[in-house]
Amino acid sequence: MISLPNLIIIGGSSRNVGKTSICLDLISRYASKLDITGLKISAIKPEEKIYHGTHGHVFKGRNFRIYEEPKPDDHKDTARMLKAGAKRAVYIEAADEHLAEAFAGFRNLYGTTGPIISESRSLRKLAIPSLFILIKHFEAALIKQDFYKYEALADLTVNIKPGCNTSASVASRIFWDQDHWALSAD
């Protein structure tokens, strides 16, 4: 496992819990001062491809694909990262057993020196970030089964509530401290 203090990982228990909103808040807050890389990783299962849209190829490995978002005027999360001010936004698509190979490909293509804001719970199996934040859905039936093994690794787990904008309050507690991400007290 690789330690990356310049990496923050935002993950969630399910779709639509505010992961992307937190990433976008952080990118827009720091983009004028830092060259931020936005990263979205999906451990793809065949039935999930419809959720992630299409992207322009950058690199295709045998068992994974790496895409760099070319334009900020699309509805995809990576396009929204660019629009928020990220220097680049990258999407990795790989089966779970090939995420390590895909992440190594990303590091070879882009390096790992600047701040990286990642929306990917599964990346925590490969990297130790300075912060690992999890967003947990209020409805237990919507929580993915493997969420709880990640929760044990989280620096912060936030339980969302119906109708509340949790992402803004979470993002306001996260800050860049010279070479790593940090979390302020409540």
N, C-alpha and C. Protein backbone atom coordinates (compact mmCIF):
# COMPACT_ATOMS: atom_id res chain seq x y z
N MET A 1 0.85 -1.18 0.00
CA MET A 1 0.00 0.00 0.00
C MET A 1 0.90 1.24 0.00
N ILE A 2 0.51 2.22 -0.79
CA ILE A 2 1.30 3.44 -0.94
C ILE A 2 0.72 4.57 -0.09
N SER A 3 1.58 5.30 0.61
CA SER A 3 1.15 6.45 1.40
C SER A 3 1.23 7.70 0.53
N LEU A 4 0.12 8.42 0.41
CA LEU A 4 0.06 9.64 -0.40
C LEU A 4 -0.56 10.77 0.42
N PRO A 5 0.26 11.54 1.12
CA PRO A 5 -0.29 12.61 1.96
C PRO A 5 -0.98 13.72 1.16
N ASN A 6 -0.70 13.82 -0.12
CA ASN A 6 -1.35 14.84 -0.95
C ASN A 6 -2.71 14.39 -1.47
N LEU A 7 -3.15 13.21 -1.06
CA LEU A 7 -4.40 12.62 -1.53
C LEU A 7 -5.48 12.70 -0.44
N ILE A 8 -6.67 13.11 -0.87
CA ILE A 8 -7.86 12.97 -0.03
C ILE A 8 -8.82 12.07 -0.79
N ILE A 9 -9.42 11.14 -0.09
CA ILE A 9 -10.39 10.24 -0.69
C ILE A 9 -11.75 10.51 -0.06
N ILE A 10 -12.73 10.79 -0.92
CA ILE A 10 -14.11 10.97 -0.50
C ILE A 10 -14.89 9.77 -1.01
N GLY A 11 -15.47 9.00 -0.12
CA GLY A 11 -16.23 7.83 -0.52
C GLY A 11 -17.61 7.86 0.10
N GLY A 12 -18.44 6.95 -0.32
CA GLY A 12 -19.79 6.93 0.20
C GLY A 12 -20.35 5.54 0.31
N SER A 13 -21.48 5.46 0.98
CA SER A 13 -22.14 4.18 1.18
C SER A 13 -22.99 3.79 -0.01
N SER A 14 -23.27 4.76 -0.88
CA SER A 14 -24.13 4.51 -2.03
C SER A 14 -24.04 5.71 -2.97
N ARG A 15 -24.80 5.68 -4.03
CA ARG A 15 -24.88 6.80 -4.95
C ARG A 15 -25.68 7.94 -4.32
N ASN A 16 -25.41 9.14 -4.83
CA ASN A 16 -26.21 10.32 -4.47
C ASN A 16 -26.21 10.65 -2.98
N VAL A 17 -25.03 10.59 -2.37
CA VAL A 17 -24.92 10.99 -0.96
C VAL A 17 -24.12 12.28 -0.78
N GLY A 18 -23.60 12.85 -1.88
CA GLY A 18 -22.89 14.12 -1.78
C GLY A 18 -21.38 14.05 -1.97
N LYS A 19 -20.87 12.91 -2.41
CA LYS A 19 -19.43 12.75 -2.61
C LYS A 19 -18.88 13.79 -3.60
N THR A 20 -19.51 13.88 -4.75
CA THR A 20 -19.04 14.80 -5.77
C THR A 20 -19.15 16.24 -5.29
N SER A 21 -20.20 16.57 -4.57
CA SER A 21 -20.37 17.94 -4.07
C SER A 21 -19.21 18.34 -3.15
N ILE A 22 -18.78 17.44 -2.30
CA ILE A 22 -17.64 17.73 -1.42
C ILE A 22 -16.39 17.95 -2.26
N CYS A 23 -16.15 17.07 -3.23
CA CYS A 23 -14.99 17.23 -4.12
C CYS A 23 -15.03 18.58 -4.82
N LEU A 24 -16.18 18.94 -5.35
CA LEU A 24 -16.32 20.21 -6.07
C LEU A 24 -16.10 21.41 -5.16
N ASP A 25 -16.61 21.35 -3.93
CA ASP A 25 -16.39 22.43 -2.97
C ASP A 25 -14.91 22.62 -2.69
N LEU A 26 -14.19 21.51 -2.50
CA LEU A 26 -12.75 21.60 -2.22
C LEU A 26 -11.98 22.13 -3.43
N ILE A 27 -12.32 21.63 -4.61
CA ILE A 27 -11.64 22.09 -5.82
C ILE A 27 -11.85 23.59 -6.00
N SER A 28 -13.08 24.04 -5.91
CA SER A 28 -13.34 25.46 -6.14
C SER A 28 -12.67 26.34 -5.08
N ARG A 29 -12.54 25.85 -3.88
CA ARG A 29 -11.90 26.64 -2.82
C ARG A 29 -10.39 26.78 -3.03
N TYR A 30 -9.74 25.75 -3.57
CA TYR A 30 -8.28 25.76 -3.67
C TYR A 30 -7.71 25.91 -5.08
N ALA A 31 -8.53 25.89 -6.09
CA ALA A 31 -8.05 25.90 -7.47
C ALA A 31 -7.25 27.14 -7.83
N SER A 32 -7.54 28.27 -7.23
CA SER A 32 -6.79 29.49 -7.57
C SER A 32 -5.38 29.48 -6.99
N LYS A 33 -5.13 28.61 -6.00
CA LYS A 33 -3.82 28.56 -5.35
C LYS A 33 -3.02 27.30 -5.68
N LEU A 34 -3.72 26.23 -6.08
CA LEU A 34 -3.07 24.93 -6.24
C LEU A 34 -3.46 24.29 -7.57
N ASP A 35 -2.54 23.50 -8.12
CA ASP A 35 -2.84 22.70 -9.32
C ASP A 35 -3.43 21.37 -8.87
N ILE A 36 -4.74 21.32 -8.82
CA ILE A 36 -5.44 20.16 -8.28
C ILE A 36 -5.79 19.17 -9.39
N THR A 37 -5.59 17.91 -9.08
CA THR A 37 -6.06 16.83 -9.95
C THR A 37 -7.31 16.24 -9.32
N GLY A 38 -8.40 16.25 -10.08
CA GLY A 38 -9.62 15.58 -9.65
C GLY A 38 -9.58 14.16 -10.19
N LEU A 39 -9.93 13.20 -9.37
CA LEU A 39 -9.84 11.80 -9.77
C LEU A 39 -11.11 11.08 -9.34
N LYS A 40 -11.71 10.40 -10.29
CA LYS A 40 -12.87 9.55 -10.00
C LYS A 40 -12.51 8.14 -10.43
N ILE A 41 -12.67 7.21 -9.52
CA ILE A 41 -12.38 5.81 -9.83
C ILE A 41 -13.63 4.99 -9.59
N SER A 42 -13.94 4.17 -10.55
CA SER A 42 -15.08 3.27 -10.40
C SER A 42 -14.61 1.83 -10.57
N ALA A 43 -14.88 1.06 -9.54
CA ALA A 43 -14.67 -0.39 -9.64
C ALA A 43 -15.88 -0.91 -10.40
N ILE A 44 -15.73 -1.07 -11.67
CA ILE A 44 -16.84 -1.35 -12.57
C ILE A 44 -17.30 -2.80 -12.50
N LYS A 45 -18.59 -2.91 -12.42
CA LYS A 45 -19.26 -4.19 -12.62
C LYS A 45 -20.06 -4.02 -13.90
N PRO A 46 -20.27 -5.05 -14.67
CA PRO A 46 -20.93 -4.89 -15.97
C PRO A 46 -22.22 -4.09 -15.94
N GLU A 47 -23.03 -4.24 -14.90
CA GLU A 47 -24.31 -3.53 -14.86
C GLU A 47 -24.17 -2.05 -14.54
N GLU A 48 -22.97 -1.59 -14.13
CA GLU A 48 -22.79 -0.20 -13.74
C GLU A 48 -22.33 0.71 -14.87
N LYS A 49 -21.93 0.21 -15.98
CA LYS A 49 -21.37 1.05 -17.03
C LYS A 49 -22.31 2.17 -17.45
N ILE A 50 -23.59 1.94 -17.37
CA ILE A 50 -24.53 2.96 -17.80
C ILE A 50 -24.49 4.22 -16.94
N TYR A 51 -24.00 4.13 -15.71
CA TYR A 51 -24.00 5.28 -14.81
C TYR A 51 -22.85 6.24 -15.06
N HIS A 52 -21.83 5.85 -15.73
CA HIS A 52 -20.62 6.64 -15.76
C HIS A 52 -20.35 7.38 -17.06
N GLY A 53 -21.19 7.26 -18.04
CA GLY A 53 -21.04 8.04 -19.27
C GLY A 53 -19.84 7.61 -20.10
N THR A 54 -19.53 8.44 -21.08
CA THR A 54 -18.38 8.17 -21.94
C THR A 54 -17.35 9.27 -21.75
N HIS A 55 -16.10 8.93 -21.97
CA HIS A 55 -14.99 9.86 -21.78
C HIS A 55 -14.01 9.66 -22.94
N GLY A 56 -13.10 10.62 -23.12
CA GLY A 56 -12.05 10.46 -24.12
C GLY A 56 -10.91 9.63 -23.57
N HIS A 57 -10.47 8.63 -24.32
CA HIS A 57 -9.37 7.75 -23.89
C HIS A 57 -8.06 8.51 -23.73
N VAL A 58 -7.33 8.17 -22.73
CA VAL A 58 -5.95 8.59 -22.58
C VAL A 58 -5.06 7.36 -22.63
N PHE A 59 -5.46 6.35 -21.87
CA PHE A 59 -4.65 5.14 -21.80
C PHE A 59 -5.56 3.95 -21.57
N LYS A 60 -5.35 2.93 -22.33
CA LYS A 60 -6.14 1.71 -22.16
C LYS A 60 -5.18 0.57 -21.85
N GLY A 61 -5.28 0.08 -20.64
CA GLY A 61 -4.52 -1.09 -20.25
C GLY A 61 -5.30 -2.33 -20.63
N ARG A 62 -4.71 -3.44 -20.37
CA ARG A 62 -5.40 -4.69 -20.71
C ARG A 62 -6.68 -4.87 -19.90
N ASN A 63 -6.63 -4.43 -18.64
CA ASN A 63 -7.76 -4.65 -17.73
C ASN A 63 -8.36 -3.38 -17.15
N PHE A 64 -8.03 -2.24 -17.72
CA PHE A 64 -8.54 -0.97 -17.20
C PHE A 64 -8.46 0.11 -18.28
N ARG A 65 -9.13 1.22 -18.01
CA ARG A 65 -9.06 2.40 -18.89
C ARG A 65 -8.87 3.64 -18.03
N ILE A 66 -8.04 4.55 -18.53
CA ILE A 66 -7.84 5.84 -17.88
C ILE A 66 -8.26 6.91 -18.89
N TYR A 67 -9.12 7.81 -18.44
CA TYR A 67 -9.62 8.87 -19.30
C TYR A 67 -9.30 10.21 -18.66
N GLU A 68 -8.91 11.19 -19.48
CA GLU A 68 -8.81 12.55 -18.98
C GLU A 68 -9.96 13.34 -19.59
N GLU A 69 -10.68 14.03 -18.75
CA GLU A 69 -11.83 14.81 -19.20
C GLU A 69 -11.35 15.97 -20.06
N PRO A 70 -11.83 16.08 -21.30
CA PRO A 70 -11.34 17.14 -22.18
C PRO A 70 -12.05 18.48 -22.04
N LYS A 71 -13.30 18.48 -21.52
CA LYS A 71 -14.06 19.73 -21.52
C LYS A 71 -14.93 19.84 -20.27
N PRO A 72 -15.08 21.08 -19.78
CA PRO A 72 -15.85 21.29 -18.55
C PRO A 72 -17.35 21.46 -18.76
N ASP A 73 -17.82 21.40 -19.98
CA ASP A 73 -19.22 21.71 -20.26
C ASP A 73 -20.07 20.45 -20.50
N ASP A 74 -19.87 19.46 -19.68
CA ASP A 74 -20.63 18.22 -19.77
C ASP A 74 -21.26 17.97 -18.40
N HIS A 75 -22.10 16.99 -18.29
CA HIS A 75 -22.77 16.68 -17.03
C HIS A 75 -22.01 15.67 -16.16
N LYS A 76 -20.95 15.06 -16.70
CA LYS A 76 -20.20 14.05 -15.96
C LYS A 76 -19.49 14.69 -14.75
N ASP A 77 -19.25 13.90 -13.73
CA ASP A 77 -18.57 14.39 -12.54
C ASP A 77 -17.19 14.94 -12.86
N THR A 78 -16.46 14.30 -13.76
CA THR A 78 -15.13 14.78 -14.11
C THR A 78 -15.20 16.13 -14.83
N ALA A 79 -16.21 16.35 -15.64
CA ALA A 79 -16.39 17.65 -16.29
C ALA A 79 -16.71 18.71 -15.25
N ARG A 80 -17.50 18.34 -14.28
CA ARG A 80 -17.82 19.27 -13.20
C ARG A 80 -16.58 19.62 -12.37
N MET A 81 -15.65 18.66 -12.23
CA MET A 81 -14.39 18.94 -11.53
C MET A 81 -13.58 19.98 -12.29
N LEU A 82 -13.52 19.83 -13.61
CA LEU A 82 -12.83 20.83 -14.43
C LEU A 82 -13.49 22.19 -14.30
N LYS A 83 -14.78 22.22 -14.37
CA LYS A 83 -15.53 23.48 -14.28
C LYS A 83 -15.30 24.16 -12.93
N ALA A 84 -15.11 23.36 -11.88
CA ALA A 84 -14.84 23.90 -10.54
C ALA A 84 -13.42 24.45 -10.43
N GLY A 85 -12.55 24.11 -11.39
CA GLY A 85 -11.20 24.67 -11.39
C GLY A 85 -10.06 23.69 -11.34
N ALA A 86 -10.33 22.40 -11.36
CA ALA A 86 -9.23 21.42 -11.34
C ALA A 86 -8.35 21.61 -12.57
N LYS A 87 -7.04 21.45 -12.39
CA LYS A 87 -6.12 21.54 -13.52
C LYS A 87 -6.39 20.42 -14.51
N ARG A 88 -6.72 19.25 -13.98
CA ARG A 88 -7.10 18.10 -14.81
C ARG A 88 -8.09 17.26 -14.01
N ALA A 89 -8.91 16.52 -14.72
CA ALA A 89 -9.84 15.60 -14.09
C ALA A 89 -9.74 14.27 -14.82
N VAL A 90 -9.52 13.23 -14.06
CA VAL A 90 -9.23 11.91 -14.62
C VAL A 90 -10.25 10.90 -14.09
N TYR A 91 -10.67 10.03 -14.97
CA TYR A 91 -11.60 8.96 -14.61
C TYR A 91 -10.92 7.62 -14.89
N ILE A 92 -10.92 6.75 -13.90
CA ILE A 92 -10.37 5.41 -14.05
C ILE A 92 -11.52 4.42 -13.94
N GLU A 93 -11.56 3.51 -14.88
CA GLU A 93 -12.57 2.46 -14.92
C GLU A 93 -11.83 1.12 -14.91
N ALA A 94 -12.12 0.30 -13.91
CA ALA A 94 -11.45 -1.00 -13.81
C ALA A 94 -12.28 -1.95 -12.97
N ALA A 95 -12.15 -3.20 -13.27
CA ALA A 95 -12.72 -4.21 -12.39
C ALA A 95 -11.94 -4.16 -11.08
N ASP A 96 -12.59 -4.49 -9.99
CA ASP A 96 -12.00 -4.37 -8.67
C ASP A 96 -10.62 -5.03 -8.58
N GLU A 97 -10.47 -6.20 -9.17
CA GLU A 97 -9.20 -6.92 -9.07
C GLU A 97 -8.08 -6.27 -9.89
N HIS A 98 -8.40 -5.25 -10.68
CA HIS A 98 -7.38 -4.58 -11.50
C HIS A 98 -7.18 -3.11 -11.12
N LEU A 99 -7.74 -2.70 -9.98
CA LEU A 99 -7.58 -1.31 -9.56
C LEU A 99 -6.12 -0.94 -9.28
N ALA A 100 -5.37 -1.85 -8.69
CA ALA A 100 -3.96 -1.55 -8.39
C ALA A 100 -3.19 -1.26 -9.67
N GLU A 101 -3.40 -2.06 -10.67
CA GLU A 101 -2.75 -1.86 -11.97
C GLU A 101 -3.19 -0.53 -12.59
N ALA A 102 -4.47 -0.22 -12.49
CA ALA A 102 -4.99 1.03 -13.04
C ALA A 102 -4.44 2.24 -12.30
N PHE A 103 -4.39 2.17 -10.97
CA PHE A 103 -3.87 3.31 -10.20
C PHE A 103 -2.38 3.51 -10.45
N ALA A 104 -1.64 2.43 -10.62
CA ALA A 104 -0.22 2.55 -10.99
C ALA A 104 -0.09 3.24 -12.35
N GLY A 105 -0.98 2.91 -13.29
CA GLY A 105 -0.99 3.58 -14.59
C GLY A 105 -1.26 5.06 -14.46
N PHE A 106 -2.20 5.44 -13.62
CA PHE A 106 -2.50 6.85 -13.34
C PHE A 106 -1.26 7.56 -12.79
N ARG A 107 -0.61 6.95 -11.80
CA ARG A 107 0.57 7.58 -11.19
C ARG A 107 1.69 7.73 -12.21
N ASN A 108 1.85 6.76 -13.11
CA ASN A 108 2.88 6.87 -14.15
C ASN A 108 2.56 7.99 -15.14
N LEU A 109 1.29 8.14 -15.49
CA LEU A 109 0.89 9.18 -16.45
C LEU A 109 0.93 10.58 -15.86
N TYR A 110 0.48 10.73 -14.62
CA TYR A 110 0.26 12.07 -14.06
C TYR A 110 1.15 12.41 -12.88
N GLY A 111 1.85 11.46 -12.31
CA GLY A 111 2.64 11.74 -11.12
C GLY A 111 1.72 11.88 -9.91
N THR A 112 2.30 12.07 -8.79
CA THR A 112 1.50 12.18 -7.57
C THR A 112 2.01 13.29 -6.66
N THR A 113 2.55 14.35 -7.22
CA THR A 113 3.14 15.38 -6.38
C THR A 113 2.16 16.46 -5.92
N GLY A 114 1.22 16.87 -6.75
CA GLY A 114 0.28 17.92 -6.37
C GLY A 114 -0.92 17.36 -5.64
N PRO A 115 -1.79 18.24 -5.15
CA PRO A 115 -2.99 17.79 -4.45
C PRO A 115 -3.91 16.98 -5.35
N ILE A 116 -4.41 15.87 -4.83
CA ILE A 116 -5.34 15.01 -5.56
C ILE A 116 -6.60 14.88 -4.71
N ILE A 117 -7.73 15.17 -5.33
CA ILE A 117 -9.02 15.02 -4.68
C ILE A 117 -9.74 13.89 -5.40
N SER A 118 -9.96 12.80 -4.69
CA SER A 118 -10.50 11.59 -5.32
C SER A 118 -11.86 11.21 -4.77
N GLU A 119 -12.75 10.91 -5.69
CA GLU A 119 -14.04 10.34 -5.34
C GLU A 119 -13.96 8.85 -5.63
N SER A 120 -13.67 8.08 -4.58
CA SER A 120 -13.51 6.64 -4.78
C SER A 120 -13.31 5.95 -3.45
N ARG A 121 -14.28 5.24 -3.01
CA ARG A 121 -14.11 4.46 -1.79
C ARG A 121 -13.09 3.35 -1.99
N SER A 122 -13.10 2.72 -3.15
CA SER A 122 -12.25 1.56 -3.40
C SER A 122 -10.76 1.89 -3.44
N LEU A 123 -10.41 3.15 -3.71
CA LEU A 123 -8.99 3.53 -3.74
C LEU A 123 -8.33 3.34 -2.38
N ARG A 124 -9.11 3.35 -1.32
CA ARG A 124 -8.54 3.19 0.03
C ARG A 124 -7.89 1.83 0.22
N LYS A 125 -8.24 0.85 -0.60
CA LYS A 125 -7.59 -0.47 -0.52
C LYS A 125 -6.15 -0.41 -1.03
N LEU A 126 -5.81 0.63 -1.80
CA LEU A 126 -4.51 0.73 -2.44
C LEU A 126 -3.63 1.83 -1.87
N ALA A 127 -4.24 2.86 -1.32
CA ALA A 127 -3.48 4.03 -0.90
C ALA A 127 -3.90 4.48 0.49
N ILE A 128 -2.93 5.03 1.21
CA ILE A 128 -3.20 5.64 2.50
C ILE A 128 -3.16 7.15 2.27
N PRO A 129 -4.32 7.79 2.27
CA PRO A 129 -4.37 9.23 2.04
C PRO A 129 -4.15 10.00 3.34
N SER A 130 -3.99 11.31 3.24
CA SER A 130 -3.94 12.09 4.48
C SER A 130 -5.32 12.14 5.12
N LEU A 131 -6.38 12.09 4.29
CA LEU A 131 -7.75 12.02 4.81
C LEU A 131 -8.59 11.06 4.00
N PHE A 132 -9.39 10.30 4.71
CA PHE A 132 -10.37 9.40 4.09
C PHE A 132 -11.71 9.71 4.73
N ILE A 133 -12.59 10.33 3.96
CA ILE A 133 -13.90 10.78 4.43
C ILE A 133 -14.98 9.90 3.80
N LEU A 134 -15.89 9.41 4.62
CA LEU A 134 -17.00 8.61 4.12
C LEU A 134 -18.33 9.31 4.42
N ILE A 135 -19.23 9.23 3.46
CA ILE A 135 -20.56 9.77 3.60
C ILE A 135 -21.53 8.59 3.64
N LYS A 136 -22.32 8.52 4.69
CA LYS A 136 -23.19 7.37 4.92
C LYS A 136 -24.65 7.76 4.74
N HIS A 137 -25.34 7.01 3.92
CA HIS A 137 -26.75 7.27 3.63
C HIS A 137 -27.60 7.01 4.88
N PHE A 138 -28.67 7.78 5.05
CA PHE A 138 -29.55 7.63 6.20
C PHE A 138 -30.43 6.39 6.11
N GLU A 139 -30.59 5.86 4.91
CA GLU A 139 -31.44 4.68 4.73
C GLU A 139 -30.57 3.43 4.64
N ALA A 140 -30.59 2.62 5.68
CA ALA A 140 -29.72 1.45 5.79
C ALA A 140 -29.84 0.51 4.59
N ALA A 141 -31.02 0.40 4.02
CA ALA A 141 -31.22 -0.53 2.89
C ALA A 141 -30.43 -0.10 1.65
N LEU A 142 -30.02 1.17 1.57
CA LEU A 142 -29.27 1.65 0.41
C LEU A 142 -27.75 1.56 0.58
N ILE A 143 -27.30 1.19 1.76
CA ILE A 143 -25.86 1.11 2.03
C ILE A 143 -25.30 -0.17 1.42
N LYS A 144 -24.24 0.00 0.61
CA LYS A 144 -23.61 -1.17 -0.01
C LYS A 144 -22.98 -2.04 1.07
N GLN A 145 -23.01 -3.35 0.85
CA GLN A 145 -22.57 -4.30 1.88
C GLN A 145 -21.12 -4.12 2.31
N ASP A 146 -20.24 -3.76 1.37
CA ASP A 146 -18.82 -3.65 1.74
C ASP A 146 -18.47 -2.33 2.40
N PHE A 147 -19.44 -1.44 2.56
CA PHE A 147 -19.18 -0.12 3.15
C PHE A 147 -18.55 -0.21 4.53
N TYR A 148 -19.01 -1.15 5.34
CA TYR A 148 -18.59 -1.20 6.74
C TYR A 148 -17.11 -1.54 6.90
N LYS A 149 -16.53 -2.30 5.98
CA LYS A 149 -15.09 -2.57 6.09
C LYS A 149 -14.29 -1.30 5.81
N TYR A 150 -14.81 -0.42 4.98
CA TYR A 150 -14.15 0.87 4.72
C TYR A 150 -14.35 1.83 5.89
N GLU A 151 -15.50 1.76 6.50
CA GLU A 151 -15.81 2.67 7.61
C GLU A 151 -14.78 2.55 8.73
N ALA A 152 -14.27 1.36 8.95
CA ALA A 152 -13.25 1.14 9.98
C ALA A 152 -11.96 1.90 9.67
N LEU A 153 -11.72 2.24 8.40
CA LEU A 153 -10.50 2.93 7.98
C LEU A 153 -10.66 4.45 7.88
N ALA A 154 -11.89 4.93 8.02
CA ALA A 154 -12.18 6.34 7.76
C ALA A 154 -11.68 7.26 8.88
N ASP A 155 -11.21 8.43 8.46
CA ASP A 155 -10.87 9.48 9.42
C ASP A 155 -12.13 10.17 9.93
N LEU A 156 -13.15 10.16 9.08
CA LEU A 156 -14.43 10.77 9.44
C LEU A 156 -15.53 10.08 8.64
N THR A 157 -16.58 9.68 9.32
CA THR A 157 -17.79 9.19 8.67
C THR A 157 -18.91 10.15 9.01
N VAL A 158 -19.58 10.64 7.98
CA VAL A 158 -20.66 11.60 8.16
C VAL A 158 -21.96 10.94 7.77
N ASN A 159 -22.92 10.96 8.66
CA ASN A 159 -24.24 10.42 8.38
C ASN A 159 -25.10 11.54 7.80
N ILE A 160 -25.55 11.36 6.56
CA ILE A 160 -26.39 12.38 5.96
C ILE A 160 -27.81 12.24 6.48
N LYS A 161 -28.53 13.34 6.42
CA LYS A 161 -29.92 13.36 6.86
C LYS A 161 -30.78 13.83 5.69
N PRO A 162 -32.00 13.37 5.61
CA PRO A 162 -32.86 13.79 4.50
C PRO A 162 -33.03 15.31 4.47
N GLY A 163 -32.88 15.89 3.28
CA GLY A 163 -33.10 17.31 3.09
C GLY A 163 -32.01 18.24 3.59
N CYS A 164 -30.92 17.72 4.08
CA CYS A 164 -29.83 18.56 4.60
C CYS A 164 -28.69 18.63 3.60
N ASN A 165 -28.02 19.78 3.52
CA ASN A 165 -26.85 19.93 2.67
C ASN A 165 -25.61 19.62 3.50
N THR A 166 -25.32 18.36 3.66
CA THR A 166 -24.20 17.91 4.48
C THR A 166 -22.86 18.22 3.83
N SER A 167 -22.81 18.21 2.50
CA SER A 167 -21.53 18.36 1.80
C SER A 167 -20.84 19.67 2.11
N ALA A 168 -21.56 20.78 2.19
CA ALA A 168 -20.94 22.07 2.47
C ALA A 168 -20.32 22.10 3.86
N SER A 169 -21.00 21.54 4.85
CA SER A 169 -20.44 21.55 6.20
C SER A 169 -19.23 20.64 6.32
N VAL A 170 -19.24 19.52 5.62
CA VAL A 170 -18.08 18.62 5.63
C VAL A 170 -16.90 19.28 4.93
N ALA A 171 -17.12 19.82 3.75
CA ALA A 171 -16.03 20.47 2.98
C ALA A 171 -15.42 21.63 3.76
N SER A 172 -16.20 22.34 4.53
CA SER A 172 -15.67 23.49 5.27
C SER A 172 -14.70 23.07 6.38
N ARG A 173 -14.73 21.82 6.78
CA ARG A 173 -13.82 21.32 7.81
C ARG A 173 -12.49 20.81 7.24
N ILE A 174 -12.40 20.67 5.92
CA ILE A 174 -11.21 20.11 5.28
C ILE A 174 -10.35 21.26 4.76
N PHE A 175 -9.03 21.17 5.00
CA PHE A 175 -8.14 22.21 4.49
C PHE A 175 -6.81 21.62 4.04
N TRP A 176 -6.14 22.37 3.14
CA TRP A 176 -4.83 22.00 2.63
C TRP A 176 -3.79 22.65 3.53
N ASP A 177 -2.89 21.87 4.07
CA ASP A 177 -1.86 22.35 4.99
C ASP A 177 -0.48 22.12 4.40
N GLN A 178 -0.07 22.95 3.46
CA GLN A 178 1.23 22.97 2.79
C GLN A 178 1.49 21.77 1.88
N ASP A 179 1.35 20.55 2.39
CA ASP A 179 1.66 19.38 1.57
C ASP A 179 0.71 18.20 1.83
N HIS A 180 -0.35 18.46 2.57
CA HIS A 180 -1.30 17.38 2.89
C HIS A 180 -2.67 17.97 3.24
N TRP A 181 -3.67 17.12 3.20
CA TRP A 181 -5.02 17.50 3.59
C TRP A 181 -5.19 17.27 5.09
N ALA A 182 -5.96 18.13 5.74
CA ALA A 182 -6.19 18.00 7.17
C ALA A 182 -7.66 18.32 7.47
N LEU A 183 -8.06 17.97 8.68
CA LEU A 183 -9.44 18.11 9.10
C LEU A 183 -9.46 18.96 10.36
N SER A 184 -10.24 20.03 10.36
CA SER A 184 -10.36 20.86 11.55
C SER A 184 -11.33 20.20 12.53
N ALA A 185 -11.25 20.61 13.77
CA ALA A 185 -12.17 20.09 14.80
C ALA A 185 -13.58 20.61 14.48
N ASP A 186 -14.58 19.96 15.08
CA ASP A 186 -15.97 20.37 14.85
C ASP A 186 -16.15 21.82 15.01
